[in-house]
Amino acid sequence: MKKFLLLLFSAILLFSMIGCSNEKEALNLLLDATEKSANWENYDAEIESHMKIVDPVQGEMDINTFGTGTIFMEPMKFYMNMDVHLSNMEEVQHIEQYMVQETDNIVLYQNVQGQWYKMNINIDGLGDIMQTDPSEDIQLMMEYTKTAKIVGEEEIKGSKARILDLAISMKMYEEIVAKNEALGSMIPMTSTEDLGKMLSELDDLNYRMWIDKDSGEIVKYSMDLGKMMERLMTKLEIEEMTDEEKEMFKNMEMTITITISNHNTAENFELPEEALNAIDMGDSLE
């Protein structure tokens, strides 16, 4: 019996040591990869998302999106080609989208069914947000990372990547919003709600990250944003949205996966000339 107990204790100790070692290695990988990402000037991205809502008339509705695009950081500009499929429609909706930063203003150009539309997104303090020290955000993320573990490997675009499962406390966002007042004004919450406090009360954000074994770069990540988006959509202060429409987003599901490639070597792009004649939809935020 004593020999058995000794073996059992040794096994428990061994697995505990392996677990601690795994978490330490995972945190080191996460820190190194996140520091690298703070220096990205541009990259290509593939985005896949799945959303499920319940329409009061049409019932359960699945919305699946796949897009490919390119992001440049300074000045910020974004290009994305997207295909959107709604479960109650046979036709796939194709959307071409460009976003261009102009100081505290983001201009969104969108081509839907051959027609270009333009919208100004005015955000006070956007320039300050874009100039924040990334090392502070990295330190904050590491501070609020509750668990990190390596769970395997997978080939991503021809290269081996380690897979990390992470859990980050949503309390981090209360501190982020408090530090960046402009973030709080970006989303029009009801007068009784505070964005940072609301997000901080959500369950931990669980997501999976793939880190290239050779370069140490983040090459993919996946998140479940259902609960966060449910709370946001039901608390948004949008005049055109009725209480019945907000009900659609209760118990909603939403997952998003982003695959990243060509770190700092993405091909540059320009806004198409035809977009300059877009129909102006005015300002979305003031």
C-alpha atoms as a PDB file:
ATOM      1  CA  MET A   1       0.000   0.000   0.000  1.00  0.00           C
ATOM      2  CA  LYS A   2       2.814   2.414   0.901  1.00  0.00           C
ATOM      3  CA  LYS A   3       4.522   1.671  -2.445  1.00  0.00           C
ATOM      4  CA  PHE A   4       1.247   2.301  -4.294  1.00  0.00           C
ATOM      5  CA  LEU A   5       0.678   5.620  -2.468  1.00  0.00           C
ATOM      6  CA  LEU A   6       4.269   6.670  -3.222  1.00  0.00           C
ATOM      7  CA  LEU A   7       3.783   5.900  -6.929  1.00  0.00           C
ATOM      8  CA  LEU A   8       0.440   7.740  -6.939  1.00  0.00           C
ATOM      9  CA  PHE A   9       1.967  10.796  -5.257  1.00  0.00           C
ATOM     10  CA  SER A  10       4.913  10.731  -7.703  1.00  0.00           C
ATOM     11  CA  ALA A  11       2.518  10.577 -10.672  1.00  0.00           C
ATOM     12  CA  ILE A  12       0.452  13.502  -9.336  1.00  0.00           C
ATOM     13  CA  LEU A  13       3.622  15.515  -8.747  1.00  0.00           C
ATOM     14  CA  LEU A  14       4.909  14.698 -12.239  1.00  0.00           C
ATOM     15  CA  PHE A  15       1.665  15.770 -13.936  1.00  0.00           C
ATOM     16  CA  SER A  16       1.590  18.934 -11.825  1.00  0.00           C
ATOM     17  CA  MET A  17       5.143  19.790 -12.888  1.00  0.00           C
ATOM     18  CA  ILE A  18       4.295  19.092 -16.533  1.00  0.00           C
ATOM     19  CA  GLY A  19       1.216  21.299 -16.213  1.00  0.00           C
ATOM     20  CA  CYS A  20       3.210  24.182 -14.719  1.00  0.00           C
ATOM     21  CA  SER A  21       5.932  23.793 -17.341  1.00  0.00           C
ATOM     22  CA  ASN A  22       3.326  23.764 -20.123  1.00  0.00           C
ATOM     23  CA  GLU A  23       1.688  26.945 -18.818  1.00  0.00           C
ATOM     24  CA  LYS A  24       5.018  28.754 -18.435  1.00  0.00           C
ATOM     25  CA  GLU A  25       6.039  27.808 -21.982  1.00  0.00           C
ATOM     26  CA  ALA A  26       2.607  28.840 -23.303  1.00  0.00           C
ATOM     27  CA  LEU A  27       2.838  32.247 -21.584  1.00  0.00           C
ATOM     28  CA  ASN A  28       6.336  32.796 -23.002  1.00  0.00           C
ATOM     29  CA  LEU A  29       5.094  31.920 -26.501  1.00  0.00           C
ATOM     30  CA  LEU A  30       2.119  34.233 -26.072  1.00  0.00           C
ATOM     31  CA  LEU A  31       4.255  37.148 -24.856  1.00  0.00           C
ATOM     32  CA  ASP A  32       6.800  36.767 -27.663  1.00  0.00           C
ATOM     33  CA  ALA A  33       4.120  36.419 -30.376  1.00  0.00           C
ATOM     34  CA  THR A  34       2.108  39.366 -29.060  1.00  0.00           C
ATOM     35  CA  GLU A  35       5.202  41.586 -28.981  1.00  0.00           C
ATOM     36  CA  LYS A  36       5.907  40.613 -32.597  1.00  0.00           C
ATOM     37  CA  SER A  37       2.331  41.447 -33.629  1.00  0.00           C
ATOM     38  CA  ALA A  38       2.689  44.939 -32.132  1.00  0.00           C
ATOM     39  CA  ASN A  39       5.265  45.640 -34.839  1.00  0.00           C
ATOM     40  CA  TRP A  40       3.170  44.496 -37.782  1.00  0.00           C
ATOM     41  CA  GLU A  41       2.931  47.185 -40.450  1.00  0.00           C
ATOM     42  CA  ASN A  42       0.668  45.146 -42.733  1.00  0.00           C
ATOM     43  CA  TYR A  43      -0.636  41.628 -43.288  1.00  0.00           C
ATOM     44  CA  ASP A  44      -3.145  39.560 -45.252  1.00  0.00           C
ATOM     45  CA  ALA A  45      -6.102  37.947 -43.518  1.00  0.00           C
ATOM     46  CA  GLU A  46      -8.760  35.329 -44.148  1.00  0.00           C
ATOM     47  CA  ILE A  47     -11.833  35.719 -41.963  1.00  0.00           C
ATOM     48  CA  GLU A  48     -14.528  33.137 -41.342  1.00  0.00           C
ATOM     49  CA  SER A  49     -17.480  33.809 -39.065  1.00  0.00           C
ATOM     50  CA  HIS A  50     -20.646  32.016 -38.068  1.00  0.00           C
ATOM     51  CA  MET A  51     -23.602  33.700 -36.397  1.00  0.00           C
ATOM     52  CA  LYS A  52     -26.961  32.275 -35.349  1.00  0.00           C
ATOM     53  CA  ILE A  53     -29.924  34.433 -34.325  1.00  0.00           C
ATOM     54  CA  VAL A  54     -33.664  33.839 -33.962  1.00  0.00           C
ATOM     55  CA  ASP A  55     -35.808  36.086 -36.148  1.00  0.00           C
ATOM     56  CA  PRO A  56     -39.349  36.579 -34.707  1.00  0.00           C
ATOM     57  CA  VAL A  57     -40.840  36.007 -38.173  1.00  0.00           C
ATOM     58  CA  GLN A  58     -38.437  33.714 -40.020  1.00  0.00           C
ATOM     59  CA  GLY A  59     -37.244  31.705 -37.037  1.00  0.00           C
ATOM     60  CA  GLU A  60     -33.680  30.485 -36.558  1.00  0.00           C
ATOM     61  CA  MET A  61     -31.239  32.060 -38.993  1.00  0.00           C
ATOM     62  CA  ASP A  62     -27.613  31.146 -39.725  1.00  0.00           C
ATOM     63  CA  ILE A  63     -25.295  33.806 -41.166  1.00  0.00           C
ATOM     64  CA  ASN A  64     -21.983  32.498 -42.510  1.00  0.00           C
ATOM     65  CA  THR A  65     -19.301  34.859 -43.810  1.00  0.00           C
ATOM     66  CA  PHE A  66     -15.979  34.255 -45.540  1.00  0.00           C
ATOM     67  CA  GLY A  67     -13.640  37.065 -46.514  1.00  0.00           C
ATOM     68  CA  THR A  68     -10.106  37.734 -47.699  1.00  0.00           C
ATOM     69  CA  GLY A  69      -8.335  41.050 -47.357  1.00  0.00           C
ATOM     70  CA  THR A  70      -5.336  43.169 -46.441  1.00  0.00           C
ATOM     71  CA  ILE A  71      -4.697  45.481 -43.488  1.00  0.00           C
ATOM     72  CA  PHE A  72      -2.154  48.327 -43.271  1.00  0.00           C
ATOM     73  CA  MET A  73      -1.588  49.924 -39.867  1.00  0.00           C
ATOM     74  CA  GLU A  74      -0.124  53.435 -40.358  1.00  0.00           C
ATOM     75  CA  PRO A  75      -2.100  55.107 -41.646  1.00  0.00           C
ATOM     76  CA  MET A  76      -4.789  52.505 -41.059  1.00  0.00           C
ATOM     77  CA  LYS A  77      -6.487  51.195 -44.180  1.00  0.00           C
ATOM     78  CA  PHE A  78      -8.357  47.985 -44.765  1.00  0.00           C
ATOM     79  CA  TYR A  79      -9.604  46.047 -47.774  1.00  0.00           C
ATOM     80  CA  MET A  80     -11.896  43.019 -47.659  1.00  0.00           C
ATOM     81  CA  ASN A  81     -13.814  40.896 -50.163  1.00  0.00           C
ATOM     82  CA  MET A  82     -16.630  39.044 -48.377  1.00  0.00           C
ATOM     83  CA  ASP A  83     -19.255  36.451 -49.243  1.00  0.00           C
ATOM     84  CA  VAL A  84     -22.246  36.388 -46.874  1.00  0.00           C
ATOM     85  CA  HIS A  85     -24.696  33.491 -46.875  1.00  0.00           C
ATOM     86  CA  LEU A  86     -28.011  33.614 -44.989  1.00  0.00           C
ATOM     87  CA  SER A  87     -29.646  30.257 -44.336  1.00  0.00           C
ATOM     88  CA  ASN A  88     -33.056  31.506 -45.533  1.00  0.00           C
ATOM     89  CA  MET A  89     -31.658  32.800 -48.840  1.00  0.00           C
ATOM     90  CA  GLU A  90     -30.237  30.779 -51.723  1.00  0.00           C
ATOM     91  CA  GLU A  91     -28.179  33.656 -53.098  1.00  0.00           C
ATOM     92  CA  VAL A  92     -24.777  34.484 -51.624  1.00  0.00           C
ATOM     93  CA  GLN A  93     -24.306  38.220 -50.983  1.00  0.00           C
ATOM     94  CA  HIS A  94     -20.941  39.556 -52.175  1.00  0.00           C
ATOM     95  CA  ILE A  95     -19.574  42.680 -50.489  1.00  0.00           C
ATOM     96  CA  GLU A  96     -16.411  44.612 -51.341  1.00  0.00           C
ATOM     97  CA  GLN A  97     -15.283  46.921 -48.561  1.00  0.00           C
ATOM     98  CA  TYR A  98     -12.574  49.523 -47.966  1.00  0.00           C
ATOM     99  CA  MET A  99     -11.863  51.518 -44.789  1.00  0.00           C
ATOM    100  CA  VAL A 100      -9.478  54.470 -44.732  1.00  0.00           C
ATOM    101  CA  GLN A 101      -8.372  56.446 -41.646  1.00  0.00           C
ATOM    102  CA  GLU A 102      -8.325  60.227 -41.835  1.00  0.00           C
ATOM    103  CA  THR A 103      -7.144  61.542 -38.401  1.00  0.00           C
ATOM    104  CA  ASP A 104     -10.230  61.096 -36.139  1.00  0.00           C
ATOM    105  CA  ASN A 105     -12.385  59.975 -39.031  1.00  0.00           C
ATOM    106  CA  ILE A 106     -12.770  56.586 -40.697  1.00  0.00           C
ATOM    107  CA  VAL A 107     -14.321  56.518 -44.162  1.00  0.00           C
ATOM    108  CA  LEU A 108     -16.035  53.279 -45.111  1.00  0.00           C
ATOM    109  CA  TYR A 109     -16.606  52.462 -48.788  1.00  0.00           C
ATOM    110  CA  GLN A 110     -18.802  49.495 -49.586  1.00  0.00           C
ATOM    111  CA  ASN A 111     -19.821  47.937 -52.895  1.00  0.00           C
ATOM    112  CA  VAL A 112     -23.087  45.973 -52.684  1.00  0.00           C
ATOM    113  CA  GLN A 113     -24.714  44.572 -55.831  1.00  0.00           C
ATOM    114  CA  GLY A 114     -22.662  46.858 -58.063  1.00  0.00           C
ATOM    115  CA  GLN A 115     -23.431  50.073 -56.169  1.00  0.00           C
ATOM    116  CA  TRP A 116     -20.830  51.934 -54.113  1.00  0.00           C
ATOM    117  CA  TYR A 117     -21.822  53.553 -50.794  1.00  0.00           C
ATOM    118  CA  LYS A 118     -19.762  55.813 -48.526  1.00  0.00           C
ATOM    119  CA  MET A 119     -20.097  56.378 -44.789  1.00  0.00           C
ATOM    120  CA  ASN A 120     -18.112  58.562 -42.381  1.00  0.00           C
ATOM    121  CA  ILE A 121     -17.407  57.143 -38.935  1.00  0.00           C
ATOM    122  CA  ASN A 122     -16.404  60.039 -36.685  1.00  0.00           C
ATOM    123  CA  ILE A 123     -14.661  59.018 -33.466  1.00  0.00           C
ATOM    124  CA  ASP A 124     -13.288  61.688 -31.147  1.00  0.00           C
ATOM    125  CA  GLY A 125      -9.829  60.706 -30.011  1.00  0.00           C
ATOM    126  CA  LEU A 126      -9.296  57.982 -32.621  1.00  0.00           C
ATOM    127  CA  GLY A 127      -5.890  59.435 -33.460  1.00  0.00           C
ATOM    128  CA  ASP A 128      -4.830  59.151 -29.805  1.00  0.00           C
ATOM    129  CA  ILE A 129      -6.030  55.531 -29.636  1.00  0.00           C
ATOM    130  CA  MET A 130      -4.011  54.636 -32.736  1.00  0.00           C
ATOM    131  CA  GLN A 131      -0.885  56.167 -31.165  1.00  0.00           C
ATOM    132  CA  THR A 132      -1.085  54.351 -27.805  1.00  0.00           C
ATOM    133  CA  ASP A 133       1.991  52.441 -26.663  1.00  0.00           C
ATOM    134  CA  PRO A 134       1.419  48.773 -27.631  1.00  0.00           C
ATOM    135  CA  SER A 135       3.683  47.595 -24.798  1.00  0.00           C
ATOM    136  CA  GLU A 136       1.101  48.844 -22.279  1.00  0.00           C
ATOM    137  CA  ASP A 137      -1.669  46.805 -23.926  1.00  0.00           C
ATOM    138  CA  ILE A 138       0.571  43.726 -24.027  1.00  0.00           C
ATOM    139  CA  GLN A 139       1.383  44.067 -20.334  1.00  0.00           C
ATOM    140  CA  LEU A 140      -2.321  44.455 -19.557  1.00  0.00           C
ATOM    141  CA  MET A 141      -3.255  41.356 -21.559  1.00  0.00           C
ATOM    142  CA  MET A 142      -0.588  39.269 -19.845  1.00  0.00           C
ATOM    143  CA  GLU A 143      -1.777  40.511 -16.450  1.00  0.00           C
ATOM    144  CA  TYR A 144      -5.364  39.413 -17.142  1.00  0.00           C
ATOM    145  CA  THR A 145      -4.501  36.086 -18.815  1.00  0.00           C
ATOM    146  CA  LYS A 146      -5.891  33.521 -16.375  1.00  0.00           C
ATOM    147  CA  THR A 147      -4.860  30.296 -18.121  1.00  0.00           C
ATOM    148  CA  ALA A 148      -2.619  29.422 -21.047  1.00  0.00           C
ATOM    149  CA  LYS A 149      -1.746  25.950 -22.266  1.00  0.00           C
ATOM    150  CA  ILE A 150      -0.264  24.280 -25.333  1.00  0.00           C
ATOM    151  CA  VAL A 151      -2.763  21.724 -26.632  1.00  0.00           C
ATOM    152  CA  GLY A 152      -1.147  20.481 -29.832  1.00  0.00           C
ATOM    153  CA  GLU A 153       0.222  21.334 -33.261  1.00  0.00           C
ATOM    154  CA  GLU A 154      -1.324  21.910 -36.674  1.00  0.00           C
ATOM    155  CA  GLU A 155      -0.083  22.787 -40.146  1.00  0.00           C
ATOM    156  CA  ILE A 156      -1.173  26.268 -41.215  1.00  0.00           C
ATOM    157  CA  LYS A 157      -0.411  27.249 -44.818  1.00  0.00           C
ATOM    158  CA  GLY A 158       2.406  24.740 -45.073  1.00  0.00           C
ATOM    159  CA  SER A 159       4.094  25.506 -41.731  1.00  0.00           C
ATOM    160  CA  LYS A 160       3.840  23.851 -38.336  1.00  0.00           C
ATOM    161  CA  ALA A 161       2.141  25.910 -35.644  1.00  0.00           C
ATOM    162  CA  ARG A 162       1.651  25.350 -31.928  1.00  0.00           C
ATOM    163  CA  ILE A 163      -1.913  25.625 -30.661  1.00  0.00           C
ATOM    164  CA  LEU A 164      -2.561  27.589 -27.464  1.00  0.00           C
ATOM    165  CA  ASP A 165      -5.823  27.644 -25.525  1.00  0.00           C
ATOM    166  CA  LEU A 166      -6.213  30.883 -23.566  1.00  0.00           C
ATOM    167  CA  ALA A 167      -8.642  32.374 -21.066  1.00  0.00           C
ATOM    168  CA  ILE A 168      -8.545  36.124 -20.438  1.00  0.00           C
ATOM    169  CA  SER A 169     -10.576  37.909 -17.783  1.00  0.00           C
ATOM    170  CA  MET A 170     -13.041  40.362 -19.283  1.00  0.00           C
ATOM    171  CA  LYS A 171     -12.249  42.689 -16.374  1.00  0.00           C
ATOM    172  CA  MET A 172      -9.369  43.809 -18.566  1.00  0.00           C
ATOM    173  CA  TYR A 173     -11.800  45.769 -20.745  1.00  0.00           C
ATOM    174  CA  GLU A 174     -12.990  47.925 -17.867  1.00  0.00           C
ATOM    175  CA  GLU A 175      -9.418  49.162 -17.520  1.00  0.00           C
ATOM    176  CA  ILE A 176      -8.962  49.545 -21.301  1.00  0.00           C
ATOM    177  CA  VAL A 177     -12.129  51.622 -21.726  1.00  0.00           C
ATOM    178  CA  ALA A 178     -11.252  53.733 -18.666  1.00  0.00           C
ATOM    179  CA  LYS A 179      -7.850  54.546 -20.202  1.00  0.00           C
ATOM    180  CA  ASN A 180      -9.303  55.327 -23.639  1.00  0.00           C
ATOM    181  CA  GLU A 181     -12.432  57.472 -23.320  1.00  0.00           C
ATOM    182  CA  ALA A 182     -12.904  57.446 -27.090  1.00  0.00           C
ATOM    183  CA  LEU A 183     -13.514  53.688 -26.987  1.00  0.00           C
ATOM    184  CA  GLY A 184     -16.508  54.204 -24.726  1.00  0.00           C
ATOM    185  CA  SER A 185     -18.009  56.713 -27.161  1.00  0.00           C
ATOM    186  CA  MET A 186     -17.579  54.436 -30.164  1.00  0.00           C
ATOM    187  CA  ILE A 187     -20.521  52.261 -29.117  1.00  0.00           C
ATOM    188  CA  PRO A 188     -23.765  54.126 -28.284  1.00  0.00           C
ATOM    189  CA  MET A 189     -24.873  52.396 -25.087  1.00  0.00           C
ATOM    190  CA  THR A 190     -28.031  53.280 -23.205  1.00  0.00           C
ATOM    191  CA  SER A 191     -27.569  56.096 -20.692  1.00  0.00           C
ATOM    192  CA  THR A 192     -27.684  53.669 -17.751  1.00  0.00           C
ATOM    193  CA  GLU A 193     -24.942  51.429 -19.109  1.00  0.00           C
ATOM    194  CA  ASP A 194     -21.162  51.743 -19.047  1.00  0.00           C
ATOM    195  CA  LEU A 195     -19.346  49.789 -21.776  1.00  0.00           C
ATOM    196  CA  GLY A 196     -16.294  48.900 -19.698  1.00  0.00           C
ATOM    197  CA  LYS A 197     -18.310  47.767 -16.683  1.00  0.00           C
ATOM    198  CA  MET A 198     -20.703  45.762 -18.838  1.00  0.00           C
ATOM    199  CA  LEU A 199     -17.866  43.908 -20.582  1.00  0.00           C
ATOM    200  CA  SER A 200     -16.052  43.288 -17.283  1.00  0.00           C
ATOM    201  CA  GLU A 201     -19.081  41.397 -15.952  1.00  0.00           C
ATOM    202  CA  LEU A 202     -18.984  38.836 -18.772  1.00  0.00           C
ATOM    203  CA  ASP A 203     -17.429  35.394 -18.424  1.00  0.00           C
ATOM    204  CA  ASP A 204     -13.780  34.948 -19.376  1.00  0.00           C
ATOM    205  CA  LEU A 205     -12.918  35.316 -23.060  1.00  0.00           C
ATOM    206  CA  ASN A 206     -11.783  31.889 -24.223  1.00  0.00           C
ATOM    207  CA  TYR A 207      -9.928  31.679 -27.477  1.00  0.00           C
ATOM    208  CA  ARG A 208      -7.452  29.570 -29.392  1.00  0.00           C
ATOM    209  CA  MET A 209      -4.257  30.885 -30.970  1.00  0.00           C
ATOM    210  CA  TRP A 210      -1.892  29.265 -33.460  1.00  0.00           C
ATOM    211  CA  ILE A 211       1.777  30.383 -33.314  1.00  0.00           C
ATOM    212  CA  ASP A 212       4.242  29.447 -36.058  1.00  0.00           C
ATOM    213  CA  LYS A 213       7.012  27.219 -34.658  1.00  0.00           C
ATOM    214  CA  ASP A 214       9.779  28.796 -36.751  1.00  0.00           C
ATOM    215  CA  SER A 215       8.904  32.510 -36.845  1.00  0.00           C
ATOM    216  CA  GLY A 216       7.013  32.780 -33.547  1.00  0.00           C
ATOM    217  CA  GLU A 217       4.346  34.820 -35.351  1.00  0.00           C
ATOM    218  CA  ILE A 218       0.622  34.519 -34.726  1.00  0.00           C
ATOM    219  CA  VAL A 219      -0.818  32.821 -37.824  1.00  0.00           C
ATOM    220  CA  LYS A 220      -4.377  32.124 -36.704  1.00  0.00           C
ATOM    221  CA  TYR A 221      -6.812  32.671 -33.859  1.00  0.00           C
ATOM    222  CA  SER A 222     -10.386  31.735 -33.123  1.00  0.00           C
ATOM    223  CA  MET A 223     -12.853  33.235 -30.622  1.00  0.00           C
ATOM    224  CA  ASP A 224     -16.376  32.607 -29.373  1.00  0.00           C
ATOM    225  CA  LEU A 225     -17.994  36.059 -29.150  1.00  0.00           C
ATOM    226  CA  GLY A 226     -21.618  34.983 -28.712  1.00  0.00           C
ATOM    227  CA  LYS A 227     -22.173  36.219 -25.159  1.00  0.00           C
ATOM    228  CA  MET A 228     -20.313  39.474 -25.735  1.00  0.00           C
ATOM    229  CA  MET A 229     -22.291  40.310 -28.881  1.00  0.00           C
ATOM    230  CA  GLU A 230     -25.567  39.282 -27.235  1.00  0.00           C
ATOM    231  CA  ARG A 231     -25.004  41.746 -24.399  1.00  0.00           C
ATOM    232  CA  LEU A 232     -23.873  44.509 -26.764  1.00  0.00           C
ATOM    233  CA  MET A 233     -26.743  44.154 -29.199  1.00  0.00           C
ATOM    234  CA  THR A 234     -29.381  44.139 -26.458  1.00  0.00           C
ATOM    235  CA  LYS A 235     -27.842  47.199 -24.755  1.00  0.00           C
ATOM    236  CA  LEU A 236     -27.135  49.348 -27.810  1.00  0.00           C
ATOM    237  CA  GLU A 237     -28.963  52.661 -28.045  1.00  0.00           C
ATOM    238  CA  ILE A 238     -30.111  52.627 -31.675  1.00  0.00           C
ATOM    239  CA  GLU A 239     -33.235  54.623 -32.457  1.00  0.00           C
ATOM    240  CA  GLU A 240     -34.268  52.424 -35.381  1.00  0.00           C
ATOM    241  CA  MET A 241     -33.961  49.159 -33.402  1.00  0.00           C
ATOM    242  CA  THR A 242     -37.115  48.071 -31.559  1.00  0.00           C
ATOM    243  CA  ASP A 243     -37.213  45.884 -28.437  1.00  0.00           C
ATOM    244  CA  GLU A 244     -38.598  43.074 -30.609  1.00  0.00           C
ATOM    245  CA  GLU A 245     -35.605  43.339 -32.932  1.00  0.00           C
ATOM    246  CA  LYS A 246     -33.218  43.264 -29.977  1.00  0.00           C
ATOM    247  CA  GLU A 247     -34.848  40.012 -28.877  1.00  0.00           C
ATOM    248  CA  MET A 248     -33.371  38.445 -32.025  1.00  0.00           C
ATOM    249  CA  PHE A 249     -29.926  38.603 -30.468  1.00  0.00           C
ATOM    250  CA  LYS A 250     -30.729  36.851 -27.211  1.00  0.00           C
ATOM    251  CA  ASN A 251     -28.908  33.524 -26.937  1.00  0.00           C
ATOM    252  CA  MET A 252     -27.140  34.305 -30.194  1.00  0.00           C
ATOM    253  CA  GLU A 253     -24.102  32.336 -31.309  1.00  0.00           C
ATOM    254  CA  MET A 254     -21.051  33.888 -32.935  1.00  0.00           C
ATOM    255  CA  THR A 255     -17.635  32.455 -33.669  1.00  0.00           C
ATOM    256  CA  ILE A 256     -14.878  34.100 -35.687  1.00  0.00           C
ATOM    257  CA  THR A 257     -11.631  32.653 -37.036  1.00  0.00           C
ATOM    258  CA  ILE A 258      -8.869  34.764 -38.585  1.00  0.00           C
ATOM    259  CA  THR A 259      -5.894  33.322 -40.472  1.00  0.00           C
ATOM    260  CA  ILE A 260      -2.952  35.716 -40.925  1.00  0.00           C
ATOM    261  CA  SER A 261      -0.213  35.571 -43.542  1.00  0.00           C
ATOM    262  CA  ASN A 262       2.405  37.740 -45.281  1.00  0.00           C
ATOM    263  CA  HIS A 263       3.336  39.582 -42.085  1.00  0.00           C
ATOM    264  CA  ASN A 264       4.850  42.940 -43.177  1.00  0.00           C
ATOM    265  CA  THR A 265       5.004  41.795 -46.813  1.00  0.00           C
ATOM    266  CA  ALA A 266       1.379  42.285 -47.916  1.00  0.00           C
ATOM    267  CA  GLU A 267       0.792  43.882 -51.311  1.00  0.00           C
ATOM    268  CA  ASN A 268      -0.288  47.514 -51.176  1.00  0.00           C
ATOM    269  CA  PHE A 269      -3.649  48.602 -52.605  1.00  0.00           C
ATOM    270  CA  GLU A 270      -5.529  51.759 -53.532  1.00  0.00           C
ATOM    271  CA  LEU A 271      -9.177  52.726 -53.345  1.00  0.00           C
ATOM    272  CA  PRO A 272     -10.858  52.008 -56.725  1.00  0.00           C
ATOM    273  CA  GLU A 273     -11.670  55.121 -58.742  1.00  0.00           C
ATOM    274  CA  GLU A 274     -15.345  54.145 -59.041  1.00  0.00           C
ATOM    275  CA  ALA A 275     -15.619  54.236 -55.227  1.00  0.00           C
ATOM    276  CA  LEU A 276     -14.935  57.993 -55.314  1.00  0.00           C
ATOM    277  CA  ASN A 277     -18.409  58.431 -56.848  1.00  0.00           C
ATOM    278  CA  ALA A 278     -20.089  56.483 -54.052  1.00  0.00           C
ATOM    279  CA  ILE A 279     -23.483  57.473 -52.665  1.00  0.00           C
ATOM    280  CA  ASP A 280     -22.783  59.366 -49.421  1.00  0.00           C
ATOM    281  CA  MET A 281     -24.726  57.814 -46.515  1.00  0.00           C
ATOM    282  CA  GLY A 282     -23.606  60.527 -44.063  1.00  0.00           C
ATOM    283  CA  ASP A 283     -22.128  59.986 -40.596  1.00  0.00           C
ATOM    284  CA  SER A 284     -22.690  56.820 -38.569  1.00  0.00           C
ATOM    285  CA  LEU A 285     -21.279  58.218 -35.312  1.00  0.00           C
ATOM    286  CA  GLU A 286     -20.910  61.742 -34.040  1.00  0.00           C
END
